[in-house]
Amino acid sequence: MSLKSLDLPIFLGSPVWACGHWGGQVYPAGTPRSGWLSWCSDTFNTVEGNSTFDALPKPAAIQRWAEQTAEEFRFALKFFRTISHDLQLGSLQAATRNFLSHIERLWAAGRLGPAFLQFGPWFGPNRFYVLAHFLMRLPRDFSWAVELRHVDWFDSGDHEKRVNAIFQQLEIDKVLFDSRPLFQSPPDDLIEKVLQERKPRTPVRKTVTGKHAILRLVGRNRVELTDRFMDQWAAIIAGLVQRAAQLFFWPCTR
């Protein structure tokens, strides 16, 4: 069943759409690569834009994204890594303007969901004022989200309360991240081994700070290893959609 037939404030999709080994597995056999995004749009109603973390696309590519997706489809683009990782929000006026000019094209086309900053585990509470200053300068026309990975942001104390407060003040969404399925048992293959080495094990939170509830769940190759966590989140999601205007959910790998 396509999500278009469901009248729910829920956006469900994948973390990427141009994954090479999905041809003939996720995408029906014979579907050309140029048709993968259209297939996603026909099946889901959102996708993460992980590709914008590594490189910003050309304007013509963004125009194609808009043309190949339905009106209700939403892209959630990840901030360019130069902003979040390389510069860690320092000396980045030009990089930020460049990123904003890209997402503005999707916004004008009505395809832009929340764009999110994903920080590495080294970006901790000692950077709070840098983070707050950056967020306060973002244009309010767009929806923003932040994913924090330093464990000290989850201290159930002053650090966590302070960052939640600035998110609530600015109506910025806090990304809810759950990597428990990934770490419940040893990896089954090299990909899972690399993910276990790279992914954070931050505490799970259910805090809604903005207009959206945003959930990223890191699953496993074997679906049965993720099912019980999905069952837990199903009940939680019912509560989240009562506290937020919309919920975005991406079972993810990055």
C-alpha atoms as a PDB file:
ATOM      1  CA  MET A   1       0.000   0.000   0.000  1.00  0.00           C
ATOM      2  CA  SER A   2       1.345   3.442  -0.911  1.00  0.00           C
ATOM      3  CA  LEU A   3       1.559   5.969   1.909  1.00  0.00           C
ATOM      4  CA  LYS A   4      -0.435   8.336  -0.305  1.00  0.00           C
ATOM      5  CA  SER A   5      -3.562   6.365   0.564  1.00  0.00           C
ATOM      6  CA  LEU A   6      -3.083   6.974   4.306  1.00  0.00           C
ATOM      7  CA  ASP A   7      -4.361  10.167   5.886  1.00  0.00           C
ATOM      8  CA  LEU A   8      -1.738  10.317   8.649  1.00  0.00           C
ATOM      9  CA  PRO A   9       0.761  13.012   9.723  1.00  0.00           C
ATOM     10  CA  ILE A  10       3.590  10.507   9.223  1.00  0.00           C
ATOM     11  CA  PHE A  11       6.415  10.656   6.708  1.00  0.00           C
ATOM     12  CA  LEU A  12       8.162   7.314   6.218  1.00  0.00           C
ATOM     13  CA  GLY A  13      11.075   6.643   3.916  1.00  0.00           C
ATOM     14  CA  SER A  14      14.648   5.498   3.449  1.00  0.00           C
ATOM     15  CA  PRO A  15      17.968   7.215   4.242  1.00  0.00           C
ATOM     16  CA  VAL A  16      19.032   7.183   0.560  1.00  0.00           C
ATOM     17  CA  TRP A  17      17.596   6.355  -2.828  1.00  0.00           C
ATOM     18  CA  ALA A  18      20.665   5.944  -5.061  1.00  0.00           C
ATOM     19  CA  CYS A  19      22.143   2.869  -3.362  1.00  0.00           C
ATOM     20  CA  GLY A  20      23.812   0.738  -6.042  1.00  0.00           C
ATOM     21  CA  HIS A  21      23.059  -2.743  -4.678  1.00  0.00           C
ATOM     22  CA  TRP A  22      19.332  -1.982  -4.228  1.00  0.00           C
ATOM     23  CA  GLY A  23      18.666  -2.566  -7.912  1.00  0.00           C
ATOM     24  CA  GLY A  24      16.621  -5.753  -8.259  1.00  0.00           C
ATOM     25  CA  GLN A  25      16.286  -6.011  -4.453  1.00  0.00           C
ATOM     26  CA  VAL A  26      14.573  -2.885  -3.163  1.00  0.00           C
ATOM     27  CA  TYR A  27      13.757  -1.618  -6.633  1.00  0.00           C
ATOM     28  CA  PRO A  28      11.888  -3.988  -8.947  1.00  0.00           C
ATOM     29  CA  ALA A  29      14.089  -5.787 -11.454  1.00  0.00           C
ATOM     30  CA  GLY A  30      14.489  -3.771 -14.614  1.00  0.00           C
ATOM     31  CA  THR A  31      13.861  -0.398 -12.969  1.00  0.00           C
ATOM     32  CA  PRO A  32      16.456   1.974 -14.466  1.00  0.00           C
ATOM     33  CA  ARG A  33      18.586   3.959 -12.062  1.00  0.00           C
ATOM     34  CA  SER A  34      17.017   7.130 -13.423  1.00  0.00           C
ATOM     35  CA  GLY A  35      13.654   5.828 -12.179  1.00  0.00           C
ATOM     36  CA  TRP A  36      14.665   5.002  -8.601  1.00  0.00           C
ATOM     37  CA  LEU A  37      13.649   8.343  -7.114  1.00  0.00           C
ATOM     38  CA  SER A  38      10.267   8.220  -8.847  1.00  0.00           C
ATOM     39  CA  TRP A  39       9.749   4.706  -7.432  1.00  0.00           C
ATOM     40  CA  CYS A  40      10.558   6.031  -3.943  1.00  0.00           C
ATOM     41  CA  SER A  41       8.061   8.834  -4.416  1.00  0.00           C
ATOM     42  CA  ASP A  42       5.361   6.389  -5.532  1.00  0.00           C
ATOM     43  CA  THR A  43       6.013   4.122  -2.529  1.00  0.00           C
ATOM     44  CA  PHE A  44       7.050   6.438   0.322  1.00  0.00           C
ATOM     45  CA  ASN A  45       6.565  10.112   1.094  1.00  0.00           C
ATOM     46  CA  THR A  46      10.030  11.151   2.262  1.00  0.00           C
ATOM     47  CA  VAL A  47      13.731  10.397   1.888  1.00  0.00           C
ATOM     48  CA  GLU A  48      16.842  11.577   3.665  1.00  0.00           C
ATOM     49  CA  GLY A  49      19.232  13.536   1.503  1.00  0.00           C
ATOM     50  CA  ASN A  50      22.414  11.910   2.776  1.00  0.00           C
ATOM     51  CA  SER A  51      24.225  12.809  -0.432  1.00  0.00           C
ATOM     52  CA  THR A  52      24.252  16.504   0.509  1.00  0.00           C
ATOM     53  CA  PHE A  53      26.446  15.649   3.494  1.00  0.00           C
ATOM     54  CA  ASP A  54      29.328  14.758   1.170  1.00  0.00           C
ATOM     55  CA  ALA A  55      28.721  17.094  -1.765  1.00  0.00           C
ATOM     56  CA  LEU A  56      26.168  19.666  -2.839  1.00  0.00           C
ATOM     57  CA  PRO A  57      24.317  18.780  -6.049  1.00  0.00           C
ATOM     58  CA  LYS A  58      24.100  21.044  -9.053  1.00  0.00           C
ATOM     59  CA  PRO A  59      20.959  23.174  -9.376  1.00  0.00           C
ATOM     60  CA  ALA A  60      19.842  21.102 -12.365  1.00  0.00           C
ATOM     61  CA  ALA A  61      19.903  17.959 -10.223  1.00  0.00           C
ATOM     62  CA  ILE A  62      17.726  19.570  -7.565  1.00  0.00           C
ATOM     63  CA  GLN A  63      15.267  20.609 -10.253  1.00  0.00           C
ATOM     64  CA  ARG A  64      15.094  16.982 -11.413  1.00  0.00           C
ATOM     65  CA  TRP A  65      14.460  15.827  -7.837  1.00  0.00           C
ATOM     66  CA  ALA A  66      11.444  18.106  -7.653  1.00  0.00           C
ATOM     67  CA  GLU A  67      10.145  17.028 -11.058  1.00  0.00           C
ATOM     68  CA  GLN A  68      10.474  13.304 -10.280  1.00  0.00           C
ATOM     69  CA  THR A  69       8.561  13.407  -6.972  1.00  0.00           C
ATOM     70  CA  ALA A  70       4.955  13.911  -5.941  1.00  0.00           C
ATOM     71  CA  GLU A  71       3.690  17.146  -4.411  1.00  0.00           C
ATOM     72  CA  GLU A  72       3.402  15.593  -0.942  1.00  0.00           C
ATOM     73  CA  PHE A  73       6.933  14.125  -1.032  1.00  0.00           C
ATOM     74  CA  ARG A  74       9.558  15.694   1.266  1.00  0.00           C
ATOM     75  CA  PHE A  75      13.349  15.650   1.181  1.00  0.00           C
ATOM     76  CA  ALA A  76      15.193  15.984   4.500  1.00  0.00           C
ATOM     77  CA  LEU A  77      18.615  17.190   3.445  1.00  0.00           C
ATOM     78  CA  LYS A  78      21.627  16.779   5.679  1.00  0.00           C
ATOM     79  CA  PHE A  79      23.872  19.812   6.125  1.00  0.00           C
ATOM     80  CA  PHE A  80      27.076  19.780   4.103  1.00  0.00           C
ATOM     81  CA  ARG A  81      29.877  18.176   6.158  1.00  0.00           C
ATOM     82  CA  THR A  82      32.065  21.285   5.735  1.00  0.00           C
ATOM     83  CA  ILE A  83      29.597  23.093   8.004  1.00  0.00           C
ATOM     84  CA  SER A  84      28.955  20.452  10.657  1.00  0.00           C
ATOM     85  CA  HIS A  85      32.210  18.489  10.744  1.00  0.00           C
ATOM     86  CA  ASP A  86      35.133  20.260   9.084  1.00  0.00           C
ATOM     87  CA  LEU A  87      34.431  23.769  10.393  1.00  0.00           C
ATOM     88  CA  GLN A  88      32.205  22.725  13.329  1.00  0.00           C
ATOM     89  CA  LEU A  89      30.114  25.874  12.821  1.00  0.00           C
ATOM     90  CA  GLY A  90      33.139  28.182  12.698  1.00  0.00           C
ATOM     91  CA  SER A  91      34.003  30.620   9.861  1.00  0.00           C
ATOM     92  CA  LEU A  92      31.292  29.287   7.615  1.00  0.00           C
ATOM     93  CA  GLN A  93      29.292  32.172   6.212  1.00  0.00           C
ATOM     94  CA  ALA A  94      30.068  31.259   2.597  1.00  0.00           C
ATOM     95  CA  ALA A  95      29.456  27.525   3.126  1.00  0.00           C
ATOM     96  CA  THR A  96      26.142  28.196   4.864  1.00  0.00           C
ATOM     97  CA  ARG A  97      24.948  30.589   2.171  1.00  0.00           C
ATOM     98  CA  ASN A  98      25.811  27.977  -0.436  1.00  0.00           C
ATOM     99  CA  PHE A  99      23.849  25.265   1.377  1.00  0.00           C
ATOM    100  CA  LEU A 100      20.857  27.560   1.893  1.00  0.00           C
ATOM    101  CA  SER A 101      20.788  28.467  -1.788  1.00  0.00           C
ATOM    102  CA  HIS A 102      20.494  24.761  -2.587  1.00  0.00           C
ATOM    103  CA  ILE A 103      17.712  23.893  -0.177  1.00  0.00           C
ATOM    104  CA  GLU A 104      15.835  27.053  -1.166  1.00  0.00           C
ATOM    105  CA  ARG A 105      15.236  25.501  -4.576  1.00  0.00           C
ATOM    106  CA  LEU A 106      13.469  22.513  -3.022  1.00  0.00           C
ATOM    107  CA  TRP A 107      11.558  24.804  -0.674  1.00  0.00           C
ATOM    108  CA  ALA A 108      10.299  26.843  -3.624  1.00  0.00           C
ATOM    109  CA  ALA A 109       9.160  23.604  -5.274  1.00  0.00           C
ATOM    110  CA  GLY A 110       7.295  22.540  -2.110  1.00  0.00           C
ATOM    111  CA  ARG A 111       9.488  19.466  -1.548  1.00  0.00           C
ATOM    112  CA  LEU A 112      11.574  20.499   1.448  1.00  0.00           C
ATOM    113  CA  GLY A 113      11.155  18.796   4.808  1.00  0.00           C
ATOM    114  CA  PRO A 114      13.328  19.512   7.845  1.00  0.00           C
ATOM    115  CA  ALA A 115      17.004  19.970   6.990  1.00  0.00           C
ATOM    116  CA  PHE A 116      19.251  18.629   9.707  1.00  0.00           C
ATOM    117  CA  LEU A 117      22.643  19.139  11.230  1.00  0.00           C
ATOM    118  CA  GLN A 118      24.323  15.898  12.199  1.00  0.00           C
ATOM    119  CA  PHE A 119      27.345  16.345  14.446  1.00  0.00           C
ATOM    120  CA  GLY A 120      30.130  13.926  15.205  1.00  0.00           C
ATOM    121  CA  PRO A 121      30.815  12.502  18.698  1.00  0.00           C
ATOM    122  CA  TRP A 122      33.487  15.147  19.298  1.00  0.00           C
ATOM    123  CA  PHE A 123      30.978  18.047  19.141  1.00  0.00           C
ATOM    124  CA  GLY A 124      30.086  18.332  22.809  1.00  0.00           C
ATOM    125  CA  PRO A 125      28.442  20.747  25.255  1.00  0.00           C
ATOM    126  CA  ASN A 126      31.567  22.928  25.271  1.00  0.00           C
ATOM    127  CA  ARG A 127      30.295  24.071  21.838  1.00  0.00           C
ATOM    128  CA  PHE A 128      26.850  25.019  23.129  1.00  0.00           C
ATOM    129  CA  TYR A 129      27.147  28.766  22.588  1.00  0.00           C
ATOM    130  CA  VAL A 130      28.571  28.257  19.098  1.00  0.00           C
ATOM    131  CA  LEU A 131      25.624  25.979  18.303  1.00  0.00           C
ATOM    132  CA  ALA A 132      23.039  28.367  19.785  1.00  0.00           C
ATOM    133  CA  HIS A 133      24.486  31.337  17.895  1.00  0.00           C
ATOM    134  CA  PHE A 134      24.422  29.430  14.609  1.00  0.00           C
ATOM    135  CA  LEU A 135      20.852  28.216  15.096  1.00  0.00           C
ATOM    136  CA  MET A 136      19.582  31.679  15.988  1.00  0.00           C
ATOM    137  CA  ARG A 137      20.899  33.011  12.677  1.00  0.00           C
ATOM    138  CA  LEU A 138      19.193  30.410  10.495  1.00  0.00           C
ATOM    139  CA  PRO A 139      16.227  31.702   8.453  1.00  0.00           C
ATOM    140  CA  ARG A 140      12.927  30.879  10.102  1.00  0.00           C
ATOM    141  CA  ASP A 141      11.159  30.085   6.809  1.00  0.00           C
ATOM    142  CA  PHE A 142      12.643  26.588   6.799  1.00  0.00           C
ATOM    143  CA  SER A 143      12.352  23.684   9.248  1.00  0.00           C
ATOM    144  CA  TRP A 144      15.541  22.658  11.035  1.00  0.00           C
ATOM    145  CA  ALA A 145      16.622  19.620  13.027  1.00  0.00           C
ATOM    146  CA  VAL A 146      19.774  18.696  14.965  1.00  0.00           C
ATOM    147  CA  GLU A 147      21.276  15.284  15.682  1.00  0.00           C
ATOM    148  CA  LEU A 148      23.723  15.275  18.589  1.00  0.00           C
ATOM    149  CA  ARG A 149      26.108  12.366  19.133  1.00  0.00           C
ATOM    150  CA  HIS A 150      28.361  13.395  22.011  1.00  0.00           C
ATOM    151  CA  VAL A 151      27.245  11.393  25.041  1.00  0.00           C
ATOM    152  CA  ASP A 152      27.412  14.430  27.371  1.00  0.00           C
ATOM    153  CA  TRP A 153      24.415  15.982  25.602  1.00  0.00           C
ATOM    154  CA  PHE A 154      22.404  13.145  27.173  1.00  0.00           C
ATOM    155  CA  ASP A 155      23.298  13.673  30.818  1.00  0.00           C
ATOM    156  CA  SER A 156      19.678  14.100  32.035  1.00  0.00           C
ATOM    157  CA  GLY A 157      21.049  17.253  33.650  1.00  0.00           C
ATOM    158  CA  ASP A 158      22.187  20.766  32.811  1.00  0.00           C
ATOM    159  CA  HIS A 159      23.655  20.040  29.370  1.00  0.00           C
ATOM    160  CA  GLU A 160      20.592  18.236  28.131  1.00  0.00           C
ATOM    161  CA  LYS A 161      18.128  20.716  29.637  1.00  0.00           C
ATOM    162  CA  ARG A 162      19.983  23.678  28.162  1.00  0.00           C
ATOM    163  CA  VAL A 163      20.142  22.338  24.625  1.00  0.00           C
ATOM    164  CA  ASN A 164      16.514  21.190  24.748  1.00  0.00           C
ATOM    165  CA  ALA A 165      15.518  24.674  25.894  1.00  0.00           C
ATOM    166  CA  ILE A 166      17.202  26.432  22.951  1.00  0.00           C
ATOM    167  CA  PHE A 167      15.679  23.927  20.537  1.00  0.00           C
ATOM    168  CA  GLN A 168      12.228  24.575  22.015  1.00  0.00           C
ATOM    169  CA  GLN A 169      12.726  28.339  21.927  1.00  0.00           C
ATOM    170  CA  LEU A 170      13.658  28.244  18.228  1.00  0.00           C
ATOM    171  CA  GLU A 171      11.225  25.414  17.348  1.00  0.00           C
ATOM    172  CA  ILE A 172      14.091  23.244  16.130  1.00  0.00           C
ATOM    173  CA  ASP A 173      13.532  19.501  16.030  1.00  0.00           C
ATOM    174  CA  LYS A 174      15.730  17.185  18.059  1.00  0.00           C
ATOM    175  CA  VAL A 175      16.537  14.047  16.081  1.00  0.00           C
ATOM    176  CA  LEU A 176      15.640  10.905  18.047  1.00  0.00           C
ATOM    177  CA  PHE A 177      18.325   8.304  17.349  1.00  0.00           C
ATOM    178  CA  ASP A 178      18.127   4.619  18.241  1.00  0.00           C
ATOM    179  CA  SER A 179      21.093   2.350  17.501  1.00  0.00           C
ATOM    180  CA  ARG A 180      20.093  -0.464  19.882  1.00  0.00           C
ATOM    181  CA  PRO A 181      19.187  -2.909  17.072  1.00  0.00           C
ATOM    182  CA  LEU A 182      22.675  -2.535  15.617  1.00  0.00           C
ATOM    183  CA  PHE A 183      24.505  -3.309  18.873  1.00  0.00           C
ATOM    184  CA  GLN A 184      22.335  -6.093  20.292  1.00  0.00           C
ATOM    185  CA  SER A 185      24.586  -8.848  18.892  1.00  0.00           C
ATOM    186  CA  PRO A 186      27.845  -9.331  16.952  1.00  0.00           C
ATOM    187  CA  PRO A 187      27.823  -8.210  13.303  1.00  0.00           C
ATOM    188  CA  ASP A 188      26.679 -10.599  10.595  1.00  0.00           C
ATOM    189  CA  ASP A 189      28.908  -9.165   7.858  1.00  0.00           C
ATOM    190  CA  LEU A 190      31.595  -6.584   7.153  1.00  0.00           C
ATOM    191  CA  ILE A 191      29.087  -3.765   6.637  1.00  0.00           C
ATOM    192  CA  GLU A 192      27.544  -4.298  10.056  1.00  0.00           C
ATOM    193  CA  LYS A 193      31.028  -4.558  11.567  1.00  0.00           C
ATOM    194  CA  VAL A 194      31.939  -1.150  10.126  1.00  0.00           C
ATOM    195  CA  LEU A 195      28.646   0.332  11.323  1.00  0.00           C
ATOM    196  CA  GLN A 196      29.228  -0.933  14.852  1.00  0.00           C
ATOM    197  CA  GLU A 197      32.644   0.714  14.815  1.00  0.00           C
ATOM    198  CA  ARG A 198      31.271   4.008  13.509  1.00  0.00           C
ATOM    199  CA  LYS A 199      27.800   4.458  14.971  1.00  0.00           C
ATOM    200  CA  PRO A 200      27.244   6.124  18.360  1.00  0.00           C
ATOM    201  CA  ARG A 201      25.525   4.402  21.261  1.00  0.00           C
ATOM    202  CA  THR A 202      23.775   7.455  22.638  1.00  0.00           C
ATOM    203  CA  PRO A 203      20.872   7.017  25.074  1.00  0.00           C
ATOM    204  CA  VAL A 204      17.444   6.824  23.466  1.00  0.00           C
ATOM    205  CA  ARG A 205      15.234   9.854  23.948  1.00  0.00           C
ATOM    206  CA  LYS A 206      11.613  10.638  23.064  1.00  0.00           C
ATOM    207  CA  THR A 207      11.809  14.410  23.473  1.00  0.00           C
ATOM    208  CA  VAL A 208       9.910  16.579  20.973  1.00  0.00           C
ATOM    209  CA  THR A 209      11.310  20.120  20.850  1.00  0.00           C
ATOM    210  CA  GLY A 210       9.940  21.497  17.572  1.00  0.00           C
ATOM    211  CA  LYS A 211       7.096  21.046  15.124  1.00  0.00           C
ATOM    212  CA  HIS A 212       8.203  17.570  14.060  1.00  0.00           C
ATOM    213  CA  ALA A 213       9.145  14.346  15.762  1.00  0.00           C
ATOM    214  CA  ILE A 214      12.115  12.903  13.865  1.00  0.00           C
ATOM    215  CA  LEU A 215      13.179   9.296  14.395  1.00  0.00           C
ATOM    216  CA  ARG A 216      16.208   7.534  12.915  1.00  0.00           C
ATOM    217  CA  LEU A 217      16.453   3.831  13.731  1.00  0.00           C
ATOM    218  CA  VAL A 218      19.588   1.871  12.782  1.00  0.00           C
ATOM    219  CA  GLY A 219      18.483  -1.611  11.833  1.00  0.00           C
ATOM    220  CA  ARG A 220      20.152  -4.881  10.863  1.00  0.00           C
ATOM    221  CA  ASN A 221      20.359  -6.948   7.704  1.00  0.00           C
ATOM    222  CA  ARG A 222      18.168  -9.564   9.354  1.00  0.00           C
ATOM    223  CA  VAL A 223      14.805  -7.916   9.811  1.00  0.00           C
ATOM    224  CA  GLU A 224      13.884 -10.129  12.772  1.00  0.00           C
ATOM    225  CA  LEU A 225      16.688  -8.499  14.780  1.00  0.00           C
ATOM    226  CA  THR A 226      14.978  -5.128  14.401  1.00  0.00           C
ATOM    227  CA  ASP A 227      11.336  -6.190  14.764  1.00  0.00           C
ATOM    228  CA  ARG A 228      11.117  -5.993  18.546  1.00  0.00           C
ATOM    229  CA  PHE A 229      12.494  -2.451  18.534  1.00  0.00           C
ATOM    230  CA  MET A 230      10.055  -1.492  15.789  1.00  0.00           C
ATOM    231  CA  ASP A 231       7.253  -2.885  17.961  1.00  0.00           C
ATOM    232  CA  GLN A 232       8.409  -0.706  20.856  1.00  0.00           C
ATOM    233  CA  TRP A 233       8.498   2.399  18.685  1.00  0.00           C
ATOM    234  CA  ALA A 234       5.057   1.735  17.200  1.00  0.00           C
ATOM    235  CA  ALA A 235       3.414   2.496  20.539  1.00  0.00           C
ATOM    236  CA  ILE A 236       5.707   5.468  21.158  1.00  0.00           C
ATOM    237  CA  ILE A 237       5.036   6.911  17.710  1.00  0.00           C
ATOM    238  CA  ALA A 238       1.328   6.989  18.491  1.00  0.00           C
ATOM    239  CA  GLY A 239       2.139   9.333  21.353  1.00  0.00           C
ATOM    240  CA  LEU A 240       4.657  11.393  19.385  1.00  0.00           C
ATOM    241  CA  VAL A 241       2.171  12.295  16.662  1.00  0.00           C
ATOM    242  CA  GLN A 242      -0.069  13.752  19.348  1.00  0.00           C
ATOM    243  CA  ARG A 243       2.735  16.091  20.468  1.00  0.00           C
ATOM    244  CA  ALA A 244       4.058  17.114  17.045  1.00  0.00           C
ATOM    245  CA  ALA A 245       2.421  18.337  13.856  1.00  0.00           C
ATOM    246  CA  GLN A 246       4.228  15.656  11.818  1.00  0.00           C
ATOM    247  CA  LEU A 247       6.543  12.697  12.330  1.00  0.00           C
ATOM    248  CA  PHE A 248       9.427  11.746  10.051  1.00  0.00           C
ATOM    249  CA  PHE A 249      10.743   8.194  10.391  1.00  0.00           C
ATOM    250  CA  TRP A 250      13.764   6.827   8.546  1.00  0.00           C
ATOM    251  CA  PRO A 251      15.084   3.354   9.336  1.00  0.00           C
ATOM    252  CA  CYS A 252      18.677   4.247   8.543  1.00  0.00           C
ATOM    253  CA  THR A 253      22.188   2.976   7.981  1.00  0.00           C
ATOM    254  CA  ARG A 254      24.243   6.186   8.241  1.00  0.00           C
END
